[in-house]
Amino acid sequence: MKILVKRLNNEFEDLPLPQYQTSGSAGMDIYAAVNDPVVINPKEIVLVPTSLAIALPDGYEAQVRSRSGLASKYGVFALNAPGTIDSDYRGEIKVILANFGNEPFIINRGDRIAQLVVARYEKAVFEIVDELPDTYRNDGGFGSTGI
């Protein structure tokens, strides 16, 4: 699948386009389009630009997800993950990063800050009914299936 991408600022033309790091990767790494280092202090949230906008085909979304290395080593997560980039959105992709670690985290120009996973979705239509079909679980909620 081809995805149309537009660079929003020529100053960041040297940064790679989103790309898979291995042949089995589901997510493409995306890069920080910042000139000066961005410090995320503990318990702080920042919005990091990528200088990219995309055009997805109808019926697809791009999910913005955390990078596992940032999460496990530094406590830095993509907040609201997975965040959704809709097929009709043409604005800049920005990543909401939160530092749940105990130390400040520095983002430099070109750092890999998150992943994009392109996924197909279906449109749903809700129908009001008086009863739902029975299942083994029925309305068993949190913890109802055991540990």
Protein backbone atom coordinates (compact mmCIF):
# COMPACT_ATOMS: atom_id res chain seq x y z
CA MET A 1 0.00 0.00 0.00
CA LYS A 2 1.26 3.46 -0.86
CA ILE A 3 0.59 6.32 1.51
CA LEU A 4 0.94 9.87 0.26
CA VAL A 5 3.11 11.96 2.57
CA LYS A 6 3.89 15.66 2.58
CA ARG A 7 6.82 17.31 4.31
CA LEU A 8 5.54 20.44 5.98
CA ASN A 9 8.88 22.13 6.59
CA ASN A 10 11.84 21.85 4.21
CA GLU A 11 14.13 22.35 7.19
CA PHE A 12 13.50 18.71 8.12
CA GLU A 13 13.98 17.10 4.68
CA ASP A 14 16.96 15.20 6.04
CA LEU A 15 14.79 13.23 8.47
CA PRO A 16 13.71 9.78 7.27
CA LEU A 17 10.13 9.13 6.31
CA PRO A 18 8.30 6.70 8.61
CA GLN A 19 9.92 3.32 8.10
CA TYR A 20 9.91 -0.25 9.33
CA GLN A 21 13.06 -1.27 11.20
CA THR A 22 12.74 -5.00 10.43
CA SER A 23 10.90 -7.15 7.90
CA GLY A 24 8.51 -8.34 10.61
CA SER A 25 7.74 -4.93 12.12
CA ALA A 26 4.07 -3.92 12.29
CA GLY A 27 4.90 -0.33 13.20
CA MET A 28 6.94 2.28 11.36
CA ASP A 29 9.15 4.51 13.46
CA ILE A 30 8.49 8.24 13.22
CA TYR A 31 11.02 10.95 13.96
CA ALA A 32 11.13 14.16 16.01
CA ALA A 33 11.20 17.28 13.86
CA VAL A 34 12.76 19.63 16.39
CA ASN A 35 15.78 21.90 16.07
CA ASP A 36 16.58 22.28 19.73
CA PRO A 37 16.48 19.49 22.31
CA VAL A 38 13.12 19.06 24.02
CA VAL A 39 13.28 18.12 27.68
CA ILE A 40 10.40 16.13 29.14
CA ASN A 41 10.63 16.36 32.88
CA PRO A 42 9.12 13.65 35.10
CA LYS A 43 5.31 13.81 35.11
CA GLU A 44 5.39 16.24 32.15
CA ILE A 45 3.61 15.97 28.80
CA VAL A 46 4.87 17.49 25.54
CA LEU A 47 3.62 17.59 21.97
CA VAL A 48 6.40 16.66 19.54
CA PRO A 49 6.10 17.62 15.85
CA THR A 50 7.10 15.36 12.96
CA SER A 51 6.75 17.88 10.09
CA LEU A 52 4.74 15.24 8.18
CA ALA A 53 1.15 15.03 6.99
CA ILE A 54 -0.33 11.95 5.31
CA ALA A 55 -3.27 10.94 3.16
CA LEU A 56 -4.61 7.50 4.04
CA PRO A 57 -7.07 5.62 1.85
CA ASP A 58 -10.66 5.56 3.07
CA GLY A 59 -11.18 2.65 5.44
CA TYR A 60 -7.70 2.94 6.99
CA GLU A 61 -6.29 4.66 10.04
CA ALA A 62 -2.76 5.18 11.33
CA GLN A 63 -2.36 4.35 15.01
CA VAL A 64 0.28 6.27 16.96
CA ARG A 65 1.86 3.97 19.55
CA SER A 66 4.65 4.05 22.09
CA ARG A 67 8.08 2.70 21.28
CA SER A 68 8.70 -0.17 23.67
CA GLY A 69 12.32 0.81 24.31
CA LEU A 70 11.39 4.33 25.40
CA ALA A 71 8.65 2.95 27.63
CA SER A 72 10.68 0.18 29.27
CA LYS A 73 14.00 2.00 29.66
CA TYR A 74 12.90 5.58 30.36
CA GLY A 75 9.21 5.52 31.26
CA VAL A 76 8.35 7.65 28.20
CA PHE A 77 5.02 6.77 26.58
CA ALA A 78 2.91 8.02 23.72
CA LEU A 79 -0.07 9.27 25.67
CA ASN A 80 -3.52 8.46 24.34
CA ALA A 81 -2.00 5.44 22.61
CA PRO A 82 -3.07 4.24 20.29
CA GLY A 83 -3.93 7.67 19.00
CA THR A 84 -5.80 7.62 15.70
CA ILE A 85 -4.93 9.51 12.54
CA ASP A 86 -8.11 9.39 10.47
CA SER A 87 -8.15 9.00 6.71
CA ASP A 88 -9.57 12.50 6.24
CA TYR A 89 -7.01 14.28 8.48
CA ARG A 90 -4.40 16.27 6.56
CA GLY A 91 -2.69 18.15 9.38
CA GLU A 92 0.70 17.56 10.91
CA ILE A 93 1.29 14.33 12.77
CA LYS A 94 2.28 15.27 16.30
CA VAL A 95 3.03 12.85 19.11
CA ILE A 96 1.88 13.37 22.70
CA LEU A 97 4.73 12.08 24.88
CA ALA A 98 4.56 11.73 28.66
CA ASN A 99 7.44 11.02 31.00
CA PHE A 100 6.42 8.62 33.77
CA GLY A 101 10.05 8.04 34.68
CA ASN A 102 12.03 9.64 37.50
CA GLU A 103 14.58 11.48 35.34
CA PRO A 104 14.25 14.16 32.66
CA PHE A 105 14.21 12.72 29.14
CA ILE A 106 15.71 14.62 26.21
CA ILE A 107 14.40 14.39 22.66
CA ASN A 108 16.83 15.45 19.95
CA ARG A 109 16.31 16.20 16.28
CA GLY A 110 15.66 12.96 14.40
CA ASP A 111 15.07 10.76 17.45
CA ARG A 112 12.59 7.96 16.91
CA ILE A 113 9.72 8.99 19.17
CA ALA A 114 6.80 6.68 18.35
CA GLN A 115 5.44 4.11 15.91
CA LEU A 116 2.72 4.30 13.29
CA VAL A 117 0.66 1.19 12.60
CA VAL A 118 -1.60 1.37 9.55
CA ALA A 119 -4.79 -0.60 10.09
CA ARG A 120 -8.00 -1.25 8.20
CA TYR A 121 -11.24 -0.57 10.00
CA GLU A 122 -14.94 -1.21 9.44
CA LYS A 123 -17.76 1.30 9.84
CA ALA A 124 -20.34 0.15 12.37
CA VAL A 125 -24.04 0.84 12.54
CA PHE A 126 -25.81 0.43 15.88
CA GLU A 127 -29.22 -1.21 16.09
CA ILE A 128 -31.39 -0.97 19.19
CA VAL A 129 -32.76 -4.36 20.35
CA ASP A 130 -34.68 -5.52 23.42
CA GLU A 131 -32.37 -8.48 24.12
CA LEU A 132 -28.82 -9.45 23.20
CA PRO A 133 -27.87 -13.03 22.28
CA ASP A 134 -26.72 -15.09 25.28
CA THR A 135 -23.09 -16.14 25.69
CA TYR A 136 -21.27 -18.25 28.28
CA ARG A 137 -19.89 -15.05 29.85
CA ASN A 138 -22.99 -12.86 29.44
CA ASP A 139 -22.50 -9.78 31.65
CA GLY A 140 -19.53 -11.18 33.61
CA GLY A 141 -17.14 -8.24 33.80
CA PHE A 142 -13.83 -7.45 35.40
CA GLY A 143 -12.15 -10.61 36.65
CA SER A 144 -15.10 -12.85 35.76
CA THR A 145 -12.92 -15.28 33.79
CA GLY A 146 -10.34 -15.68 36.56
CA ILE A 147 -6.69 -14.82 36.81
